Protein backbone atom coordinates (compact mmCIF):
# COMPACT_ATOMS: atom_id res chain seq x y z
CA UNK A 1 6.82 19.73 -21.57
CA UNK A 2 9.56 17.15 -22.06
CA UNK A 3 10.02 14.89 -25.07
CA UNK A 4 12.09 11.72 -24.93
CA UNK A 5 12.59 8.50 -26.85
CA UNK A 6 11.72 5.26 -25.05
CA UNK A 7 12.61 1.86 -26.49
CA UNK A 8 11.61 -0.61 -23.81
CA UNK A 9 8.44 -1.92 -22.04
CA UNK A 10 5.96 -4.39 -20.47
CA UNK A 11 2.15 -4.63 -20.40
CA UNK A 12 0.02 -3.48 -17.54
CA UNK A 13 -2.89 -5.73 -16.65
CA UNK A 14 -6.01 -3.71 -16.25
CA UNK A 15 -8.98 -2.48 -18.24
CA UNK A 16 -9.32 1.20 -19.06
CA UNK A 17 -12.36 2.87 -17.52
CA UNK A 18 -14.83 3.49 -20.30
CA UNK A 19 -14.67 7.28 -19.93
CA UNK A 20 -10.88 7.30 -20.04
CA UNK A 21 -10.87 4.96 -23.02
CA UNK A 22 -13.31 7.18 -24.88
CA UNK A 23 -11.20 10.25 -24.15
CA UNK A 24 -8.11 8.53 -25.49
CA UNK A 25 -9.94 7.37 -28.59
CA UNK A 26 -10.85 11.00 -29.28
CA UNK A 27 -7.27 12.19 -29.13
CA UNK A 28 -5.54 9.19 -30.76
CA UNK A 29 -4.44 9.09 -34.38
CA UNK A 30 -3.93 5.58 -35.80
CA UNK A 31 -1.67 6.32 -38.74
CA UNK A 32 -1.06 2.86 -40.22
CA UNK A 33 -2.68 -0.48 -39.42
CA UNK A 34 0.59 -2.23 -38.44
CA UNK A 35 1.38 -2.44 -42.17
CA UNK A 36 -1.29 -5.14 -42.63
CA UNK A 37 -4.99 -5.57 -43.21
CA UNK A 38 -7.29 -4.94 -40.29
CA UNK A 39 -9.48 -7.88 -39.39
CA UNK A 40 -13.13 -7.88 -38.52
CA UNK A 41 -13.46 -11.23 -36.80
CA UNK A 42 -14.83 -11.59 -33.28
CA UNK A 43 -12.05 -11.33 -30.70
CA UNK A 44 -12.01 -13.20 -27.44
CA UNK A 45 -9.68 -12.59 -24.50
CA UNK A 46 -7.56 -15.63 -23.82
CA UNK A 47 -8.74 -18.92 -25.33
CA UNK A 48 -10.87 -19.75 -28.37
CA UNK A 49 -12.67 -22.83 -29.67
CA UNK A 50 -11.00 -24.23 -32.81
CA UNK A 51 -12.36 -27.09 -34.85
CA UNK A 52 -10.59 -29.11 -37.51
CA UNK A 53 -7.63 -31.42 -37.61
CA UNK A 54 -4.97 -29.02 -38.93
CA UNK A 55 -2.33 -28.92 -36.20
CA UNK A 56 -1.04 -25.59 -37.55
CA UNK A 57 -4.26 -23.98 -36.36
CA UNK A 58 -3.99 -25.77 -33.04
CA UNK A 59 -0.43 -24.52 -32.50
CA UNK A 60 -1.47 -21.01 -33.57
CA UNK A 61 -4.35 -21.08 -31.11
CA UNK A 62 -2.09 -22.14 -28.24
CA UNK A 63 0.49 -19.58 -29.30
CA UNK A 64 -2.12 -16.83 -29.24
CA UNK A 65 -3.42 -17.81 -25.81
CA UNK A 66 0.08 -17.90 -24.29
CA UNK A 67 1.09 -14.65 -26.03
CA UNK A 68 -2.01 -12.83 -24.77
CA UNK A 69 -1.41 -14.00 -21.21
CA UNK A 70 2.28 -13.18 -21.25
CA UNK A 71 2.97 -16.85 -20.54
CA UNK A 72 6.40 -16.79 -22.12
CA UNK A 73 7.54 -20.15 -20.76
CA UNK A 74 4.76 -21.99 -22.63
CA UNK A 75 5.08 -19.67 -25.62
CA UNK A 76 8.77 -20.58 -25.85
CA UNK A 77 7.91 -24.27 -26.06
CA UNK A 78 5.85 -23.62 -29.21
CA UNK A 79 8.77 -22.29 -31.25
CA UNK A 80 11.14 -24.59 -33.10
CA UNK A 81 14.03 -26.40 -31.46
CA UNK A 82 16.39 -24.54 -33.77
CA UNK A 83 15.00 -21.20 -32.56
CA UNK A 84 15.36 -22.30 -28.95
CA UNK A 85 19.03 -23.06 -29.56
CA UNK A 86 19.57 -19.50 -30.77
CA UNK A 87 17.62 -17.61 -28.10
CA UNK A 88 17.32 -18.43 -24.41
CA UNK A 89 13.94 -18.40 -22.73
CA UNK A 90 15.07 -15.39 -20.67
CA UNK A 91 16.03 -13.40 -23.77
CA UNK A 92 12.88 -14.55 -25.55
CA UNK A 93 10.72 -13.22 -22.69
CA UNK A 94 12.73 -10.01 -22.51
CA UNK A 95 12.17 -9.26 -26.20
CA UNK A 96 8.43 -9.87 -25.85
CA UNK A 97 8.21 -7.62 -22.79
CA UNK A 98 10.21 -4.84 -24.42
CA UNK A 99 7.85 -4.66 -27.38
CA UNK A 100 4.77 -4.55 -25.15
CA UNK A 101 6.29 -1.95 -22.87
CA UNK A 102 7.23 0.26 -25.80
CA UNK A 103 3.64 0.19 -27.07
CA UNK A 104 2.29 0.55 -23.48
CA UNK A 105 0.16 -2.56 -23.92
CA UNK A 106 -2.35 -3.20 -21.15
CA UNK A 107 -4.35 -6.06 -22.61
CA UNK A 108 -4.26 -8.40 -25.59
CA UNK A 109 -7.24 -10.11 -27.20
CA UNK A 110 -6.73 -12.74 -29.90
CA UNK A 111 -9.12 -13.97 -32.56
CA UNK A 112 -9.62 -17.19 -34.50
CA UNK A 113 -6.49 -18.28 -36.40
CA UNK A 114 -6.93 -18.57 -40.16
CA UNK A 115 -4.77 -20.32 -42.75
CA UNK A 116 -2.74 -17.97 -44.92
CA UNK A 117 -0.44 -18.67 -47.86
CA UNK A 118 1.95 -21.59 -47.68
CA UNK A 119 2.59 -22.80 -44.15
CA UNK A 120 1.65 -19.52 -42.49
CA UNK A 121 -1.29 -18.84 -40.18
CA UNK A 122 -2.90 -15.45 -39.56
CA UNK A 123 -3.71 -14.68 -35.92
CA UNK A 124 -5.89 -11.54 -35.56
CA UNK A 125 -5.20 -9.49 -32.43
CA UNK A 126 -6.46 -6.40 -30.67
CA UNK A 127 -4.14 -4.49 -28.33
CA UNK A 128 -5.44 -2.11 -25.69
CA UNK A 129 -2.69 0.36 -24.83
CA UNK A 130 -2.15 3.01 -22.18
CA UNK A 131 -1.09 5.72 -24.64
CA UNK A 132 -2.54 4.82 -28.02
CA UNK A 133 -5.95 3.34 -27.29
CA UNK A 134 -6.88 0.20 -29.23
CA UNK A 135 -4.70 -1.06 -32.05
CA UNK A 136 -5.78 -3.91 -34.34
CA UNK A 137 -3.65 -6.13 -36.51
CA UNK A 138 -2.43 -9.69 -36.86
CA UNK A 139 0.52 -11.95 -36.26
CA UNK A 140 1.53 -13.86 -39.37
CA UNK A 141 2.93 -17.08 -37.92
CA UNK A 142 5.27 -19.18 -40.12
CA UNK A 143 4.93 -22.88 -39.33
CA UNK A 144 7.34 -25.74 -39.88
CA UNK A 145 7.69 -29.40 -39.06
CA UNK A 146 10.01 -29.87 -36.10
CA UNK A 147 10.55 -33.61 -36.02
CA UNK A 148 7.07 -35.04 -35.70
CA UNK A 149 5.73 -31.79 -34.20
CA UNK A 150 4.49 -28.56 -35.75
CA UNK A 151 6.23 -25.46 -34.39
CA UNK A 152 6.38 -21.72 -35.00
CA UNK A 153 9.38 -20.62 -37.06
CA UNK A 154 10.07 -17.71 -34.74
CA UNK A 155 11.84 -14.43 -35.35
CA UNK A 156 11.96 -11.15 -33.47
CA UNK A 157 9.42 -9.76 -35.94
CA UNK A 158 6.78 -11.82 -34.07
CA UNK A 159 7.16 -9.77 -30.88
CA UNK A 160 4.58 -7.29 -32.20
CA UNK A 161 1.93 -7.42 -34.94
CA UNK A 162 3.13 -6.25 -38.34
CA UNK A 163 6.84 -5.96 -37.62
CA UNK A 164 9.04 -6.63 -40.63
CA UNK A 165 12.38 -8.39 -40.55
CA UNK A 166 14.98 -6.11 -39.00
CA UNK A 167 12.45 -3.60 -37.63
CA UNK A 168 12.37 -2.74 -33.95
CA UNK A 169 9.72 -1.04 -31.88
CA UNK A 170 10.46 2.42 -30.53
CA UNK A 171 8.49 5.28 -29.08
CA UNK A 172 8.95 8.99 -28.59
CA UNK A 173 7.21 10.41 -25.54
CA UNK A 174 6.00 13.87 -24.60
CA UNK A 175 5.02 14.48 -20.98
CA UNK A 176 2.39 17.14 -20.27
CA UNK A 177 2.94 19.79 -17.58
CA UNK A 178 2.65 18.29 -14.10
CA UNK A 179 -0.47 19.25 -12.15
CA UNK A 180 -0.38 21.09 -8.85
CA UNK A 181 -1.33 19.72 -5.43
CA UNK A 182 -3.74 21.60 -3.18
CA UNK A 183 -4.82 21.36 0.44
CA UNK A 184 -8.47 20.73 1.28
CA UNK A 185 -9.17 24.48 1.32
CA UNK A 186 -7.57 25.07 -2.08
CA UNK A 187 -4.23 26.30 -0.75
CA UNK A 188 -1.49 25.42 -3.24
CA UNK A 189 0.99 22.98 -1.73
CA UNK A 190 3.24 22.61 -4.79
CA UNK A 191 3.19 23.59 -8.46
CA UNK A 192 5.47 23.58 -11.48
CA UNK A 193 6.82 21.07 -13.97
CA UNK A 194 8.53 17.84 -12.92
CA UNK A 195 12.04 19.26 -12.79
CA UNK A 196 11.04 22.62 -11.33
CA UNK A 197 8.47 21.92 -8.63
CA UNK A 198 7.97 24.85 -6.27
CA UNK A 199 6.46 23.99 -2.87
CA UNK A 200 4.61 26.42 -0.65
CA UNK A 201 6.76 28.57 1.62
CA UNK A 202 4.76 27.25 4.58
CA UNK A 203 7.24 24.74 6.00
CA UNK A 204 4.60 22.65 7.77
CA UNK A 205 2.54 22.26 4.61
CA UNK A 206 5.58 21.72 2.41
CA UNK A 207 6.68 18.86 4.66
CA UNK A 208 3.98 16.57 3.30
CA UNK A 209 4.53 17.39 -0.38
CA UNK A 210 7.36 14.91 -0.84
CA UNK A 211 10.16 14.72 -3.37
CA UNK A 212 10.67 14.16 -7.09
CA UNK A 213 13.43 11.87 -8.28
CA UNK A 214 14.52 9.25 -10.81
CA UNK A 215 12.22 6.26 -11.30
CA UNK A 216 12.89 3.74 -8.50
CA UNK A 217 14.37 0.52 -9.83
CA UNK A 218 11.62 -1.59 -8.27
CA UNK A 219 8.95 0.41 -10.13
CA UNK A 220 10.75 1.00 -13.41
CA UNK A 221 8.88 -1.64 -15.38
CA UNK A 222 5.48 -0.28 -14.36
CA UNK A 223 6.40 3.33 -15.16
CA UNK A 224 7.83 2.45 -18.56
CA UNK A 225 4.75 0.38 -19.32
CA UNK A 226 2.63 3.44 -18.54
CA UNK A 227 4.52 5.45 -21.14
CA UNK A 228 6.84 7.35 -18.79
CA UNK A 229 10.34 7.94 -20.24
CA UNK A 230 13.14 6.10 -18.47
CA UNK A 231 14.91 9.34 -17.51
CA UNK A 232 11.82 11.14 -16.23
CA UNK A 233 11.54 12.45 -12.68
CA UNK A 234 8.59 11.05 -10.75
CA UNK A 235 7.14 11.42 -7.27
CA UNK A 236 9.18 9.27 -4.89
CA UNK A 237 7.83 10.33 -1.48
CA UNK A 238 4.90 12.13 0.13
CA UNK A 239 1.95 13.43 -1.86
CA UNK A 240 4.02 13.54 -5.03
CA UNK A 241 4.24 9.75 -4.84
CA UNK A 242 0.69 9.15 -3.64
CA UNK A 243 -0.80 11.04 -6.58
CA UNK A 244 1.94 10.38 -9.15
CA UNK A 245 -0.33 9.01 -11.88
CA UNK A 246 -2.90 11.77 -11.57
CA UNK A 247 -0.30 14.52 -11.38
CA UNK A 248 1.68 13.50 -14.45
CA UNK A 249 -1.40 13.18 -16.67
CA UNK A 250 -1.25 11.03 -19.80
CA UNK A 251 1.92 11.03 -21.90
CA UNK A 252 1.67 11.63 -25.61
CA UNK A 253 3.98 10.41 -28.33
CA UNK A 254 4.53 8.43 -31.49
CA UNK A 255 4.89 4.67 -31.88
CA UNK A 256 7.24 3.42 -34.59
CA UNK A 257 8.03 0.10 -36.23
CA UNK A 258 11.46 0.84 -37.63
CA UNK A 259 10.89 4.12 -39.50
CA UNK A 260 7.18 3.49 -39.99
CA UNK A 261 4.75 5.40 -37.79
CA UNK A 262 2.12 3.11 -36.28
CA UNK A 263 0.20 5.53 -34.06
CA UNK A 264 0.43 8.96 -32.53
CA UNK A 265 -1.29 10.66 -29.63
CA UNK A 266 -1.22 14.05 -27.91
CA UNK A 267 -0.28 14.47 -24.23
CA UNK A 268 -3.08 15.20 -21.82
CA UNK A 269 -2.38 17.18 -18.64
CA UNK A 270 -3.82 16.02 -15.35
CA UNK A 271 -6.07 18.21 -13.25
CA UNK A 272 -4.99 19.76 -9.96
CA UNK A 273 -5.25 17.27 -7.10
CA UNK A 274 -7.20 18.55 -4.11
CA UNK A 275 -6.19 16.62 -1.02
CA UNK A 276 -7.83 16.03 2.35
CA UNK A 277 -5.01 17.81 4.19
CA UNK A 278 -6.31 20.57 6.48
CA UNK A 279 -3.63 23.28 6.81
CA UNK A 280 -4.35 24.20 10.44
CA UNK A 281 -4.20 20.56 11.57
CA UNK A 282 -1.10 19.87 9.49
CA UNK A 283 0.65 22.85 11.07
CA UNK A 284 -0.34 21.71 14.54
CA UNK A 285 0.94 18.18 13.91
CA UNK A 286 4.26 19.29 12.42
CA UNK A 287 4.81 21.81 15.21
CA UNK A 288 3.95 19.28 17.91
CA UNK A 289 6.35 16.71 16.47
CA UNK A 290 9.11 19.27 16.17
CA UNK A 291 12.57 17.90 15.49
CA UNK A 292 11.79 14.53 17.04
CA UNK A 293 11.73 11.29 15.13
CA UNK A 294 8.36 9.64 14.77
CA UNK A 295 5.03 10.28 13.17
CA UNK A 296 1.60 11.79 13.74
CA UNK A 297 -1.46 10.74 11.76
CA UNK A 298 -4.83 12.50 11.93
CA UNK A 299 -7.91 10.86 10.40
CA UNK A 300 -11.59 11.74 10.11
CA UNK A 301 -13.29 8.52 11.31
CA UNK A 302 -16.57 8.99 9.46
CA UNK A 303 -14.96 9.27 6.01
CA UNK A 304 -11.42 7.97 6.33
CA UNK A 305 -10.09 11.32 5.12
CA UNK A 306 -6.50 11.83 6.26
CA UNK A 307 -6.41 15.34 7.69
CA UNK A 308 -2.70 15.55 8.54
CA UNK A 309 0.50 13.52 8.37
CA UNK A 310 3.67 14.61 10.15
CA UNK A 311 7.05 12.90 10.12
CA UNK A 312 7.09 9.21 9.24
CA UNK A 313 3.37 8.85 9.93
CA UNK A 314 2.72 6.23 7.29
CA UNK A 315 6.20 4.86 6.67
CA UNK A 316 7.76 4.44 10.11
CA UNK A 317 7.23 0.99 11.64
CA UNK A 318 7.63 0.45 15.38
CA UNK A 319 6.30 -2.05 17.93
CA UNK A 320 2.96 -0.49 18.96
CA UNK A 321 3.35 -1.40 22.62
CA UNK A 322 0.23 -1.17 24.72
CA UNK A 323 -1.79 0.67 22.07
CA UNK A 324 -2.09 -2.84 20.62
CA UNK A 325 -4.12 -3.75 23.70
CA UNK A 326 -7.01 -2.12 21.82
CA UNK A 327 -6.75 -5.05 19.42
CA UNK A 328 -6.28 -7.59 22.21
CA UNK A 329 -9.26 -6.29 24.19
CA UNK A 330 -11.37 -6.37 21.05
CA UNK A 331 -10.35 -9.96 20.34
CA UNK A 332 -10.98 -11.04 23.94
CA UNK A 333 -14.51 -9.61 23.95
CA UNK A 334 -15.25 -10.74 20.41
CA UNK A 335 -14.27 -14.35 21.02
CA UNK A 336 -15.47 -14.66 24.63
CA UNK A 337 -12.05 -14.83 26.26
CA UNK A 338 -13.24 -12.03 28.55
CA UNK A 339 -16.38 -10.16 29.51
CA UNK A 340 -16.85 -6.63 30.75
CA UNK A 341 -17.66 -8.19 34.12
CA UNK A 342 -14.40 -10.18 34.25
CA UNK A 343 -12.02 -9.48 37.13
CA UNK A 344 -8.33 -10.22 37.52
CA UNK A 345 -5.89 -10.48 40.43
CA UNK A 346 -4.01 -7.34 41.43
CA UNK A 347 -0.33 -8.11 40.92
CA UNK A 348 2.91 -6.60 39.64
CA UNK A 349 3.78 -9.28 37.11
CA UNK A 350 2.76 -12.53 35.48
CA UNK A 351 4.69 -15.60 34.40
CA UNK A 352 4.30 -17.12 30.95
CA UNK A 353 6.27 -20.15 29.78
CA UNK A 354 8.49 -19.76 32.81
CA UNK A 355 9.35 -16.11 32.09
CA UNK A 356 8.19 -13.25 34.28
CA UNK A 357 6.61 -10.23 32.58
CA UNK A 358 6.32 -7.11 34.72
CA UNK A 359 3.92 -4.22 34.65
CA UNK A 360 5.42 -0.81 33.91
CA UNK A 361 7.28 0.47 36.96
CA UNK A 362 6.32 -2.80 38.69
CA UNK A 363 2.88 -1.31 39.35
CA UNK A 364 0.39 -3.56 41.10
CA UNK A 365 -2.77 -3.50 39.02
CA UNK A 366 -5.71 -5.63 37.98
CA UNK A 367 -9.33 -5.70 39.10
CA UNK A 368 -12.00 -5.20 36.43
CA UNK A 369 -11.26 -5.52 32.73
CA UNK A 370 -11.77 -1.77 32.33
CA UNK A 371 -9.45 -0.91 35.21
CA UNK A 372 -6.82 -3.32 33.91
CA UNK A 373 -7.02 -1.68 30.48
CA UNK A 374 -6.99 1.84 31.90
CA UNK A 375 -3.80 1.11 33.85
CA UNK A 376 -2.30 -0.95 31.01
CA UNK A 377 -1.70 -4.08 33.07
CA UNK A 378 0.66 -6.45 31.30
CA UNK A 379 -0.08 -8.91 34.08
CA UNK A 380 -3.65 -9.11 32.75
CA UNK A 381 -3.33 -8.61 29.00
CA UNK A 382 -0.37 -10.90 28.33
CA UNK A 383 -2.19 -13.96 29.76
CA UNK A 384 -5.38 -12.74 28.09
CA UNK A 385 -3.60 -12.78 24.73
CA UNK A 386 -2.48 -16.35 25.36
CA UNK A 387 -6.09 -17.25 26.18
CA UNK A 388 -7.39 -15.56 23.02
CA UNK A 389 -4.92 -17.57 20.95
CA UNK A 390 -2.99 -16.80 17.81
CA UNK A 391 -5.81 -17.45 15.35
CA UNK A 392 -8.23 -14.97 16.89
CA UNK A 393 -5.55 -12.43 17.75
CA UNK A 394 -4.31 -12.34 14.16
CA UNK A 395 -7.84 -12.38 12.74
CA UNK A 396 -8.76 -9.34 14.82
CA UNK A 397 -5.57 -7.45 13.98
CA UNK A 398 -6.20 -8.08 10.30
CA UNK A 399 -9.76 -6.83 10.68
CA UNK A 400 -8.21 -3.49 11.69
CA UNK A 401 -5.90 -3.50 8.66
CA UNK A 402 -2.73 -5.28 9.77
CA UNK A 403 -1.01 -7.38 7.10
CA UNK A 404 -2.85 -5.44 4.42
CA UNK A 405 -2.23 -2.57 2.03
CA UNK A 406 -3.85 0.60 3.37
CA UNK A 407 -4.34 1.88 -0.17
CA UNK A 408 -1.90 4.78 0.22
CA UNK A 409 1.11 4.51 -2.14
CA UNK A 410 4.31 4.52 -0.14
CA UNK A 411 2.61 3.49 3.10
CA UNK A 412 4.35 0.70 5.00
CA UNK A 413 2.29 -2.36 5.84
CA UNK A 414 1.77 -2.87 9.56
CA UNK A 415 2.23 -6.50 10.43
CA UNK A 416 1.60 -9.28 12.88
CA UNK A 417 2.98 -12.82 12.44
CA UNK A 418 0.59 -15.48 11.19
CA UNK A 419 -1.14 -17.76 13.67
CA UNK A 420 1.18 -20.57 12.61
CA UNK A 421 4.21 -18.39 13.24
CA UNK A 422 2.93 -17.41 16.68
CA UNK A 423 2.24 -21.02 17.54
CA UNK A 424 0.97 -22.04 20.96
CA UNK A 425 3.72 -20.66 23.16
CA UNK A 426 2.09 -18.54 25.88
CA UNK A 427 5.07 -16.18 26.10
CA UNK A 428 5.04 -15.48 22.37
CA UNK A 429 1.28 -14.92 22.38
CA UNK A 430 1.43 -12.81 25.52
CA UNK A 431 4.23 -10.60 24.18
CA UNK A 432 2.30 -10.12 20.94
CA UNK A 433 -0.87 -9.22 22.84
CA UNK A 434 0.90 -6.30 24.54
CA UNK A 435 2.34 -5.00 21.27
CA UNK A 436 5.83 -6.42 21.58
CA UNK A 437 7.37 -9.43 19.90
CA UNK A 438 7.24 -9.10 16.13
CA UNK A 439 4.25 -6.77 15.85
CA UNK A 440 5.00 -3.61 13.84
CA UNK A 441 2.75 -0.63 13.18
CA UNK A 442 2.74 2.85 11.71
CA UNK A 443 1.04 5.84 13.28
CA UNK A 444 -1.45 5.80 10.40
CA UNK A 445 -2.37 2.19 11.14
CA UNK A 446 -2.99 2.92 14.82
CA UNK A 447 -5.06 5.98 13.89
CA UNK A 448 -7.15 3.62 11.75
CA UNK A 449 -7.52 1.23 14.70
CA UNK A 450 -8.78 4.10 16.84
CA UNK A 451 -11.08 5.36 14.08
CA UNK A 452 -12.59 1.90 13.63
CA UNK A 453 -13.44 1.63 17.32
CA UNK A 454 -14.79 5.19 17.26
CA UNK A 455 -17.04 4.31 14.32
CA UNK A 456 -18.56 1.47 16.37
CA UNK A 457 -16.64 -1.26 14.57
CA UNK A 458 -16.89 0.05 11.01
CA UNK A 459 -13.49 0.52 9.39
CA UNK A 460 -13.31 3.55 7.10
CA UNK A 461 -11.39 3.49 3.83
CA UNK A 462 -8.41 5.82 4.15
CA UNK A 463 -7.99 8.49 1.50
CA UNK A 464 -5.86 11.55 0.77
CA UNK A 465 -8.05 12.71 -2.13
CA UNK A 466 -10.82 15.13 -1.23
CA UNK A 467 -14.23 13.74 -2.08
CA UNK A 468 -13.00 10.16 -2.52
CA UNK A 469 -15.05 8.77 0.34
CA UNK A 470 -15.28 5.00 0.42
CA UNK A 471 -17.86 2.95 2.25
CA UNK A 472 -17.06 1.88 5.79
CA UNK A 473 -16.77 -1.85 6.34
CA UNK A 474 -18.19 -3.60 9.39
CA UNK A 475 -15.22 -5.51 10.84
CA UNK A 476 -15.97 -5.54 14.59
CA UNK A 477 -19.35 -6.16 16.27
CA UNK A 478 -20.96 -2.89 17.32
CA UNK A 479 -21.32 -3.85 20.98
CA UNK A 480 -17.70 -4.95 21.22
CA UNK A 481 -16.55 -1.62 19.78
CA UNK A 482 -18.84 0.23 22.20
CA UNK A 483 -17.33 -1.64 25.14
CA UNK A 484 -13.79 -0.94 23.98
CA UNK A 485 -14.70 2.73 23.60
CA UNK A 486 -15.73 2.88 27.25
CA UNK A 487 -12.45 1.20 28.22
CA UNK A 488 -10.47 3.71 26.16
CA UNK A 489 -12.35 6.58 27.79
CA UNK A 490 -11.30 5.20 31.18
CA UNK A 491 -7.64 5.36 30.09
CA UNK A 492 -7.95 9.14 29.87
CA UNK A 493 -10.28 9.70 32.82
CA UNK A 494 -8.68 7.43 35.44
CA UNK A 495 -5.67 5.74 33.88
CA UNK A 496 -2.35 6.24 32.14
CA UNK A 497 -3.66 8.73 29.57
CA UNK A 498 -4.62 11.62 31.82
CA UNK A 499 -2.29 13.96 29.92
CA UNK A 500 -4.43 13.48 26.79
CA UNK A 501 -7.47 15.22 28.31
CA UNK A 502 -9.01 18.00 26.24
CA UNK A 503 -11.07 20.64 28.03
CA UNK A 504 -14.79 20.13 27.59
CA UNK A 505 -14.43 17.00 25.44
CA UNK A 506 -14.61 13.32 26.35
CA UNK A 507 -11.53 11.64 24.92
CA UNK A 508 -11.04 7.91 24.34
CA UNK A 509 -7.52 6.62 23.87
CA UNK A 510 -4.74 4.26 24.79
CA UNK A 511 -1.16 4.85 25.84
CA UNK A 512 1.70 2.68 24.68
CA UNK A 513 5.32 2.28 25.70
CA UNK A 514 7.08 -0.15 23.40
CA UNK A 515 10.43 -1.52 24.47
CA UNK A 516 13.17 -1.11 21.89
CA UNK A 517 15.49 -3.13 24.06
CA UNK A 518 14.89 -4.73 27.46
CA UNK A 519 13.64 -2.35 30.14
CA UNK A 520 11.86 -4.86 32.33
CA UNK A 521 13.96 -6.64 34.93
CA UNK A 522 12.74 -9.73 36.70
CA UNK A 523 15.72 -10.15 39.00
CA UNK A 524 18.69 -8.05 40.00
CA UNK A 525 20.91 -7.71 36.95
CA UNK A 526 24.54 -8.76 37.19
CA UNK A 527 26.62 -6.21 35.20
CA UNK A 528 29.09 -8.98 34.43
CA UNK A 529 26.31 -11.22 33.14
CA UNK A 530 23.63 -9.06 31.45
CA UNK A 531 20.42 -10.59 30.05
CA UNK A 532 20.66 -12.70 26.91
CA UNK A 533 20.79 -10.65 23.73
CA UNK A 534 22.05 -7.52 25.53
CA UNK A 535 25.47 -6.09 26.33
CA UNK A 536 24.58 -4.25 29.53
CA UNK A 537 22.02 -4.19 32.29
CA UNK A 538 18.91 -2.23 31.24
CA UNK A 539 18.22 1.23 32.60
CA UNK A 540 14.52 1.52 33.34
CA UNK A 541 14.83 5.32 33.31
CA UNK A 542 16.44 5.45 29.85
CA UNK A 543 13.81 7.20 27.71
CA UNK A 544 15.71 6.42 24.51
CA UNK A 545 15.01 2.74 25.11
CA UNK A 546 11.27 2.99 24.39
CA UNK A 547 8.84 4.23 21.77
CA UNK A 548 6.08 6.39 23.21
CA UNK A 549 2.59 5.96 21.72
CA UNK A 550 -0.88 7.33 22.05
CA UNK A 551 -3.87 6.48 19.87
CA UNK A 552 -7.38 7.78 20.39
CA UNK A 553 -10.37 9.75 19.20
CA UNK A 554 -12.74 12.49 20.32
CA UNK A 555 -15.45 13.17 21.18
CA UNK A 556 -15.76 9.63 22.50
CA UNK A 557 -19.46 9.25 21.69
CA UNK A 558 -19.40 10.74 18.20
CA UNK A 559 -15.81 11.10 17.02
CA UNK A 560 -14.78 13.84 14.64
CA UNK A 561 -11.07 13.08 14.76
CA UNK A 562 -8.83 10.06 15.40
CA UNK A 563 -5.12 10.57 16.05
CA UNK A 564 -2.10 8.37 16.64
CA UNK A 565 1.25 9.58 17.96
CA UNK A 566 4.47 7.57 17.58
CA UNK A 567 7.66 8.90 19.21
CA UNK A 568 10.65 6.51 19.08
CA UNK A 569 13.18 6.94 21.85
CA UNK A 570 10.93 9.32 23.79
CA UNK A 571 10.04 7.42 26.94
CA UNK A 572 6.55 6.58 28.16
CA UNK A 573 3.41 7.10 26.15
CA UNK A 574 1.54 8.72 29.01
CA UNK A 575 4.35 11.19 29.64
CA UNK A 576 5.32 12.28 26.13
CA UNK A 577 2.88 11.03 23.48
CA UNK A 578 -0.32 11.85 25.39
CA UNK A 579 0.47 15.59 25.71
CA UNK A 580 1.27 15.74 21.99
CA UNK A 581 -2.06 14.05 21.28
CA UNK A 582 -3.85 16.67 23.39
CA UNK A 583 -2.20 19.53 21.49
CA UNK A 584 -3.02 18.15 18.05
CA UNK A 585 -6.52 17.04 19.04
CA UNK A 586 -7.34 20.50 20.40
CA UNK A 587 -6.34 22.09 17.08
CA UNK A 588 -8.13 19.43 15.05
CA UNK A 589 -11.42 19.76 16.91
CA UNK A 590 -11.37 23.52 16.40
CA UNK A 591 -11.01 23.07 12.65
CA UNK A 592 -13.76 20.42 12.48
CA UNK A 593 -16.49 22.47 14.15
C-alpha cells in the first residue's frame, strides 16, 4: 500500500449507489463535527424557500445555492467589494475547488439559513464525499453592509465548513493493493501493486493489458477529486485504463483542518476484474495482425461483449472506406432512397458537382442494389448518398454509434460531420457515403456496425466486463437490417469479399479500401502538374496509399461473432483485410461453439 499527502481538489457530481454508500458508512470514522455543532434541520439540494424581510438571510440563501452548485461566478458577486479587490474571481474559485477536492466532495446539500450572533448567519450543510461518506456541519457567514447592499465578509475559512482563521484543508491518502485483471476464463492477465504490475508471459494476452503511468493532465482534477494522490500511478492505456476505478479500489486516509482531524477512513481493495476477453480469440487476432499497424476488434453481437482487441482497435481512427456503405445502404433503404428492386446503370464512374469519381480499378459495375453493393460500386453509392441527403445519412450513422461515446474509457469517438457541415453539395455527400471525406472510424466502431446489422437492427451495448450485459437498443428497422444482411452475404459469395469465406459457414461482410491520398485518376496525370493538394501523380498500385478494411459477422442468419479489420497502408480490403478476417473468424467460431 502507498500513503501520500494530498492538499488539493474538486467535487465530483454524482450520487453514491446506496450499497456503496452503506459500505463506506460502515468503515468511516467521523472524528470531529467540523469543530461545530451538528444541525438537525431538513436539508434540500440546491434552493430553499425563505420567508421574512431580513436581507442577511436572503444573501445567505443565495450564497448557499451558488456554493452548492459550484457556481463560483455568482458566489463571488455575493462577497464584499473589499474582498473582491483582494482576491480575483479565478483565485476565489481555485480556493473553493481545492477545499472540495481535498475532502473528495461529490455533492453538497444546504439547509435553511438561521440568524446567529451579531451579523452572522448559520448555513447548515451536508457534504457527500467519495472517501469519507457524509459529513455534516455549517458555514458561519459574517455579513456586512457594502454600500446599500448586504454582502458576505469573506475569508478563506469559508471554503469549507468549520475552518478557523489560518487553517487549511489537507488529506493523507492510503491506496489499497491494486486488483488483478483476468480473462473471461479466469486466466490472470496482470497482477501486482500499481508500481509493480506483472503481466502474463503470454505476449498476445499481455498486449491488451495496457500501461500504468502518472495521472494525465487532462484527468488530474477528476482523479484528485476521487481521492487519488497526485503522484500516484494510474492506468493510462488498455484494460488498466478501462477498469482504473475498479482496480484501484477505494482510497483511505485522514482529513484535516489545520492540525485537527475531521474524519478518517480505511482503504478498501477492489475485487479482481474478470473481462470478456477470450484468450484463444485474442491470440488469433494479435497473431493475424502481426507487426502491421491497424486494429482488429471482435464482438459478440448478442451481448456486446468484446472478445478480443488487437492493435489500435478502439483508438485508431481512419476513413472507413466502403465499409461505410453498410451505413449508406441502411439509410437508403430506411428513408426510401432505394429499394431492393432498384437497378442502376453499369458504368465505371459517376460525376458529382462536376467531378468524376471512379470505381476501384475502373471496374464497370451496377445492376441491382445487391450486385452494386457486392461489387462496391462507387458509381452507384456516391450518387445514392447524395440522394439520401446529409440529414438522413448522419442520422443513420449516429444510430450505429458515430459521434457518440462507446462507453469504453480510452476509446476514440468515430465521427461524421453534421448535416449542416455536409451541406447540399453532391460531391461532399457522395464522398461521405463511400466512407471518404471527413468520416473517421475505429475498428471497434465498424465491428459494432456489423453486430447491429447481424442483430437485425438492435445495437448491443459494448462491454469489456464479464457479465455486464446491457440491453440491445432497436436503432434500425428489422426488415432493413435483414435486407442489408443479404447484401453483405453477397459481398462474400459473389463480390469483393470472397477471401473472407469460412468453410461451412455463411459469412456476411463488407470490404473497404479507404484512400489516404488520391489513388483515383480521372484523366492522364501530368507529372509537372499533379492534382491539387498533391506533390506527385498518384500510383494506383501503391498499397501504402490506402487503408484496407473488412467488417462482417457469421453465421449470417444467427451471428455469434462480429469482426472488423483495419489495416492502414495495406492496400485493398478484399486482398489483405478479408483474409485476416477469415483467420480470426475461424478461430472465434471455434471458441464460441
